[in-house]
């Protein structure tokens, strides 16, 4: 027959075991709750980031400058940049992009570099489809492009066959129904060490040049922009490459810094007489998703009226 002490000890052991079981059950419930909450959070973030990565917005800006010829009042320029085909962008998304562009009925379209993702080996059939889609972009005054740091020989092939004028270190005078043009200057990639600034702006060394001409510069990387704007007139600069940080956080801004876009990485700057717009871009080559930074196309309307 058990003594009172033994019965008490047995009861104590049973209570301790019961307490341990309750703690285990409570811990398991907490783990399950954490797992469920984490799963839901990941699902929401994944759905959200996938949504903003694929849903392109159009950012509209009115550009006012007295140098803009009257014949150019109201013309529309669309900039798209950093397609990074093969990252988050494929033929389905390109079709959508072309549709968005054509719906705005642009007069001029410019592409500011990084056509194919650097880690993506685009197949011949994909090239043909990409060319076919880009050919469908309609303008009244022309399509222009410059290379980015990821662009290789295939860039020239695709853009030439898509009816884009490649303006690497070159310029073009664009007219609209009269004899007063605007100047479009293009700079090749800074990363490829092929950028020739003086060659690109050689218009200003010609005897017949107009020193007061309204000038637009298209480029990918912007790290030498201070040097450019100190030497040559450029009223409007349209740049790419930075993706505005690709992933942006409130009060912090973009957190992914691109080589060649260390200083001018956000969407807008004013430097001397130059207005600088840096595209959000379209693809997502590094993180493969966007956060608080929708992929976008820029639409600019020119006017000389205040």
Protein backbone atom coordinates (compact mmCIF):
# COMPACT_ATOMS: atom_id res chain seq x y z
CA UNK A 1 0.00 0.00 0.00
CA UNK A 2 1.36 3.39 -1.11
CA UNK A 3 2.21 5.91 1.52
CA UNK A 4 0.75 9.39 1.50
CA UNK A 5 4.11 10.80 0.33
CA UNK A 6 4.23 8.38 -2.61
CA UNK A 7 0.65 9.28 -3.60
CA UNK A 8 1.46 12.97 -3.43
CA UNK A 9 4.60 12.47 -5.53
CA UNK A 10 2.66 10.47 -8.11
CA UNK A 11 0.03 13.20 -8.25
CA UNK A 12 2.75 15.82 -8.56
CA UNK A 13 4.34 13.90 -11.45
CA UNK A 14 0.99 13.62 -13.20
CA UNK A 15 0.41 17.37 -12.84
CA UNK A 16 3.87 18.12 -14.18
CA UNK A 17 3.32 15.81 -17.16
CA UNK A 18 -0.05 17.44 -17.84
CA UNK A 19 1.57 20.88 -17.67
CA UNK A 20 4.29 19.80 -20.10
CA UNK A 21 1.66 18.43 -22.50
CA UNK A 22 -0.27 21.71 -22.34
CA UNK A 23 2.93 23.66 -23.05
CA UNK A 24 3.73 21.40 -26.02
CA UNK A 25 0.21 21.79 -27.40
CA UNK A 26 0.40 25.56 -26.92
CA UNK A 27 3.81 25.72 -28.65
CA UNK A 28 2.52 23.61 -31.56
CA UNK A 29 -0.50 25.91 -31.92
CA UNK A 30 1.79 28.96 -31.97
CA UNK A 31 4.01 27.35 -34.62
CA UNK A 32 0.97 26.47 -36.72
CA UNK A 33 -0.36 30.04 -36.41
CA UNK A 34 3.04 31.46 -37.39
CA UNK A 35 3.22 29.09 -40.36
CA UNK A 36 -0.31 29.99 -41.53
CA UNK A 37 0.32 33.74 -41.09
CA UNK A 38 3.66 33.47 -42.90
CA UNK A 39 2.07 31.51 -45.74
CA UNK A 40 -0.70 34.08 -46.10
CA UNK A 41 1.81 36.97 -45.98
CA UNK A 42 4.02 35.31 -48.62
CA UNK A 43 0.97 34.64 -50.78
CA UNK A 44 -0.19 38.27 -50.49
CA UNK A 45 3.29 39.67 -51.19
CA UNK A 46 3.80 37.25 -54.09
CA UNK A 47 0.43 38.15 -55.60
CA UNK A 48 1.05 41.87 -55.09
CA UNK A 49 4.58 41.87 -56.50
CA UNK A 50 3.52 39.73 -59.46
CA UNK A 51 0.65 42.15 -60.08
CA UNK A 52 2.82 45.26 -60.07
CA UNK A 53 5.57 43.50 -62.02
CA UNK A 54 3.19 42.78 -64.89
CA UNK A 55 0.87 45.82 -64.75
CA UNK A 56 2.54 48.69 -66.51
CA UNK A 57 1.54 52.27 -65.81
CA UNK A 58 1.91 55.30 -68.07
CA UNK A 59 3.53 58.34 -66.40
CA UNK A 60 2.58 61.56 -68.20
CA UNK A 61 4.56 64.79 -68.10
CA UNK A 62 4.06 68.12 -69.88
CA UNK A 63 7.36 69.62 -70.98
CA UNK A 64 7.30 73.41 -71.31
CA UNK A 65 10.17 75.28 -72.92
CA UNK A 66 10.23 78.43 -75.06
CA UNK A 67 12.82 76.82 -77.34
CA UNK A 68 10.28 74.25 -78.56
CA UNK A 69 9.20 75.27 -82.11
CA UNK A 70 5.54 76.10 -82.65
CA UNK A 71 5.32 73.22 -85.09
CA UNK A 72 6.21 70.88 -82.22
CA UNK A 73 3.51 72.12 -79.84
CA UNK A 74 1.53 69.15 -78.62
CA UNK A 75 3.73 66.40 -80.04
CA UNK A 76 3.91 63.27 -77.92
CA UNK A 77 7.12 61.41 -77.11
CA UNK A 78 6.94 57.99 -75.50
CA UNK A 79 9.96 56.54 -73.74
CA UNK A 80 10.21 52.90 -72.80
CA UNK A 81 13.31 51.39 -71.30
CA UNK A 82 14.96 48.32 -69.83
CA UNK A 83 12.63 45.78 -71.36
CA UNK A 84 15.01 43.11 -70.03
CA UNK A 85 13.28 40.45 -72.12
CA UNK A 86 13.63 37.08 -70.40
CA UNK A 87 13.51 38.45 -66.84
CA UNK A 88 9.83 39.04 -66.10
CA UNK A 89 8.94 40.10 -69.65
CA UNK A 90 8.16 37.76 -72.53
CA UNK A 91 6.18 37.94 -75.75
CA UNK A 92 2.81 38.23 -74.00
CA UNK A 93 3.98 41.31 -72.08
CA UNK A 94 5.61 42.84 -75.18
CA UNK A 95 2.28 42.64 -77.00
CA UNK A 96 0.66 44.52 -74.13
CA UNK A 97 3.41 47.16 -74.12
CA UNK A 98 3.04 47.78 -77.86
CA UNK A 99 -0.72 48.08 -77.44
CA UNK A 100 -0.30 50.63 -74.62
CA UNK A 101 2.12 52.67 -76.75
CA UNK A 102 -0.04 52.65 -79.88
CA UNK A 103 -3.17 53.62 -77.95
CA UNK A 104 -1.40 56.91 -77.04
CA UNK A 105 -0.67 57.66 -80.73
CA UNK A 106 2.89 58.90 -80.19
CA UNK A 107 4.75 61.10 -82.63
CA UNK A 108 8.15 59.87 -81.46
CA UNK A 109 9.13 56.73 -79.55
CA UNK A 110 12.51 56.28 -77.86
CA UNK A 111 14.01 53.18 -76.26
CA UNK A 112 16.79 53.83 -73.74
CA UNK A 113 18.66 50.57 -73.47
CA UNK A 114 18.82 47.03 -72.05
CA UNK A 115 16.64 45.11 -74.46
CA UNK A 116 17.45 41.52 -73.39
CA UNK A 117 18.22 40.30 -69.87
CA UNK A 118 21.95 39.62 -69.58
CA UNK A 119 21.36 36.07 -68.28
CA UNK A 120 18.78 35.11 -70.91
CA UNK A 121 19.69 33.32 -74.13
CA UNK A 122 16.95 34.43 -76.49
CA UNK A 123 15.99 31.86 -79.12
CA UNK A 124 15.66 32.58 -82.82
CA UNK A 125 11.87 32.23 -82.80
CA UNK A 126 11.63 34.58 -79.84
CA UNK A 127 13.78 37.11 -81.69
CA UNK A 128 11.49 36.93 -84.68
CA UNK A 129 8.41 37.43 -82.49
CA UNK A 130 10.04 40.33 -80.65
CA UNK A 131 10.96 42.01 -83.94
CA UNK A 132 7.45 41.47 -85.26
CA UNK A 133 5.92 43.09 -82.17
CA UNK A 134 8.31 46.06 -82.10
CA UNK A 135 7.65 46.66 -85.79
CA UNK A 136 4.02 47.27 -84.84
CA UNK A 137 4.89 50.40 -82.83
CA UNK A 138 3.47 53.28 -84.86
CA UNK A 139 4.74 56.86 -84.87
CA UNK A 140 4.36 59.91 -87.11
CA UNK A 141 7.95 61.16 -86.77
CA UNK A 142 10.22 58.23 -85.96
CA UNK A 143 11.48 55.56 -83.56
CA UNK A 144 14.90 55.92 -81.91
CA UNK A 145 17.04 53.72 -79.65
CA UNK A 146 20.33 53.66 -77.77
CA UNK A 147 22.11 50.68 -76.25
CA UNK A 148 22.42 49.85 -72.56
CA UNK A 149 25.15 48.02 -70.70
CA UNK A 150 23.51 44.60 -71.28
CA UNK A 151 23.01 45.09 -75.02
CA UNK A 152 25.12 42.98 -77.34
CA UNK A 153 25.24 42.55 -81.12
CA UNK A 154 21.71 41.12 -81.16
CA UNK A 155 20.47 44.54 -80.02
CA UNK A 156 21.44 46.16 -83.32
CA UNK A 157 19.88 43.33 -85.31
CA UNK A 158 16.55 43.44 -83.47
CA UNK A 159 16.22 47.23 -83.33
CA UNK A 160 17.25 47.78 -86.96
CA UNK A 161 14.78 45.18 -88.17
CA UNK A 162 12.11 46.76 -85.93
CA UNK A 163 12.53 50.08 -87.81
CA UNK A 164 14.28 51.91 -84.97
CA UNK A 165 17.05 54.38 -85.76
CA UNK A 166 19.99 53.54 -83.48
CA UNK A 167 21.50 56.81 -82.27
CA UNK A 168 24.59 55.55 -80.45
CA UNK A 169 26.91 58.58 -80.37
CA UNK A 170 24.94 60.27 -83.12
CA UNK A 171 22.13 62.75 -83.66
CA UNK A 172 19.15 63.44 -85.85
CA UNK A 173 17.25 66.61 -86.74
CA UNK A 174 13.51 66.04 -86.46
CA UNK A 175 11.12 68.23 -88.44
CA UNK A 176 7.36 68.61 -88.31
CA UNK A 177 5.80 70.55 -91.20
CA UNK A 178 8.23 73.49 -91.20
CA UNK A 179 11.93 74.33 -91.32
CA UNK A 180 12.55 74.50 -87.57
CA UNK A 181 13.65 71.16 -86.15
CA UNK A 182 14.43 69.79 -82.72
CA UNK A 183 17.66 67.92 -82.09
CA UNK A 184 17.68 64.31 -80.90
CA UNK A 185 21.08 63.20 -79.52
CA UNK A 186 21.85 59.59 -78.58
CA UNK A 187 24.66 58.26 -76.39
CA UNK A 188 25.83 54.67 -76.36
CA UNK A 189 26.33 52.68 -73.18
CA UNK A 190 28.77 54.09 -70.67
CA UNK A 191 29.56 50.59 -69.39
CA UNK A 192 30.75 49.43 -72.83
CA UNK A 193 33.36 52.23 -72.84
CA UNK A 194 32.16 53.25 -76.28
CA UNK A 195 30.48 56.52 -75.32
CA UNK A 196 31.78 59.35 -77.50
CA UNK A 197 30.22 62.54 -76.20
CA UNK A 198 31.81 64.96 -78.66
CA UNK A 199 30.80 62.78 -81.59
CA UNK A 200 27.23 62.57 -80.34
CA UNK A 201 26.97 66.36 -80.05
CA UNK A 202 28.91 67.13 -83.23
CA UNK A 203 25.91 69.12 -84.51
CA UNK A 204 27.10 72.01 -82.32
CA UNK A 205 30.48 72.10 -84.09
CA UNK A 206 28.92 72.45 -87.54
CA UNK A 207 29.02 75.90 -89.14
CA UNK A 208 25.28 75.99 -89.77
CA UNK A 209 24.24 74.87 -86.29
CA UNK A 210 21.58 76.67 -84.25
CA UNK A 211 22.92 77.19 -80.75
CA UNK A 212 19.38 77.79 -79.47
CA UNK A 213 17.90 74.55 -80.82
CA UNK A 214 15.69 72.52 -78.48
CA UNK A 215 17.75 69.43 -77.67
CA UNK A 216 16.69 66.03 -76.36
CA UNK A 217 19.31 63.53 -75.22
CA UNK A 218 18.54 59.82 -74.90
CA UNK A 219 20.86 57.57 -72.91
CA UNK A 220 20.97 54.58 -70.60
CA UNK A 221 23.49 55.15 -67.78
CA UNK A 222 23.82 58.66 -66.32
CA UNK A 223 26.98 58.74 -64.19
CA UNK A 224 28.75 61.17 -66.55
CA UNK A 225 25.74 63.45 -66.90
CA UNK A 226 27.34 66.35 -65.01
CA UNK A 227 30.18 66.40 -67.52
CA UNK A 228 27.75 66.29 -70.45
CA UNK A 229 25.46 69.08 -69.23
CA UNK A 230 28.44 71.31 -68.41
CA UNK A 231 29.72 71.02 -71.98
CA UNK A 232 26.64 70.76 -74.17
CA UNK A 233 23.11 72.11 -74.25
CA UNK A 234 20.49 69.49 -73.52
CA UNK A 235 17.04 70.68 -72.52
CA UNK A 236 15.50 67.26 -71.95
CA UNK A 237 17.36 64.10 -70.95
CA UNK A 238 15.58 60.74 -71.12
CA UNK A 239 17.55 57.99 -69.37
CA UNK A 240 17.18 54.40 -68.23
CA UNK A 241 19.18 51.68 -66.49
CA UNK A 242 18.51 52.53 -62.82
CA UNK A 243 14.92 51.15 -62.73
CA UNK A 244 14.56 53.71 -59.90
CA UNK A 245 15.97 51.06 -57.57
CA UNK A 246 13.71 48.21 -58.77
CA UNK A 247 12.55 47.61 -55.18
CA UNK A 248 11.61 50.77 -53.28
CA UNK A 249 10.86 51.18 -49.59
CA UNK A 250 8.94 54.05 -47.95
CA UNK A 251 11.29 56.80 -46.65
CA UNK A 252 14.26 54.86 -48.06
CA UNK A 253 13.76 54.83 -51.83
CA UNK A 254 15.34 52.37 -54.25
CA UNK A 255 17.52 49.72 -52.65
CA UNK A 256 19.15 48.15 -55.73
CA UNK A 257 21.85 50.40 -57.16
CA UNK A 258 22.87 49.91 -60.78
CA UNK A 259 26.40 50.32 -62.08
CA UNK A 260 26.45 53.48 -64.20
CA UNK A 261 23.48 55.03 -62.37
CA UNK A 262 24.83 55.76 -58.90
CA UNK A 263 23.94 59.46 -58.73
CA UNK A 264 20.90 59.96 -60.95
CA UNK A 265 18.81 56.95 -60.02
CA UNK A 266 15.42 58.45 -59.13
CA UNK A 267 12.70 59.54 -61.55
CA UNK A 268 13.36 63.29 -61.93
CA UNK A 269 16.15 65.85 -61.56
CA UNK A 270 16.74 69.42 -62.68
CA UNK A 271 20.39 70.21 -63.43
CA UNK A 272 21.12 73.71 -64.75
CA UNK A 273 18.84 74.03 -67.80
CA UNK A 274 18.36 70.30 -68.21
CA UNK A 275 15.27 68.38 -67.11
CA UNK A 276 16.23 64.77 -66.48
CA UNK A 277 13.72 61.94 -66.44
CA UNK A 278 14.92 58.47 -65.47
CA UNK A 279 12.58 55.63 -66.43
CA UNK A 280 11.25 53.06 -63.97
CA UNK A 281 11.90 50.55 -66.74
CA UNK A 282 9.78 47.52 -67.51
CA UNK A 283 11.64 44.30 -66.70
CA UNK A 284 12.94 43.18 -63.30
CA UNK A 285 16.36 41.61 -63.93
CA UNK A 286 17.81 41.47 -60.41
CA UNK A 287 15.02 40.71 -57.95
CA UNK A 288 12.60 39.28 -60.56
CA UNK A 289 9.83 41.29 -58.92
CA UNK A 290 8.90 44.89 -58.06
CA UNK A 291 7.92 46.43 -54.74
CA UNK A 292 6.43 49.95 -54.47
CA UNK A 293 7.83 50.60 -57.94
CA UNK A 294 5.52 49.83 -60.84
CA UNK A 295 7.10 49.22 -64.26
CA UNK A 296 6.22 52.16 -66.46
CA UNK A 297 6.24 53.89 -69.81
CA UNK A 298 6.81 57.66 -69.91
CA UNK A 299 4.69 59.96 -72.08
CA UNK A 300 5.92 63.52 -72.67
CA UNK A 301 3.89 66.28 -74.33
CA UNK A 302 5.96 69.19 -75.66
CA UNK A 303 4.80 72.79 -75.65
CA UNK A 304 6.32 76.27 -75.74
CA UNK A 305 3.31 77.73 -73.93
CA UNK A 306 3.37 78.55 -70.22
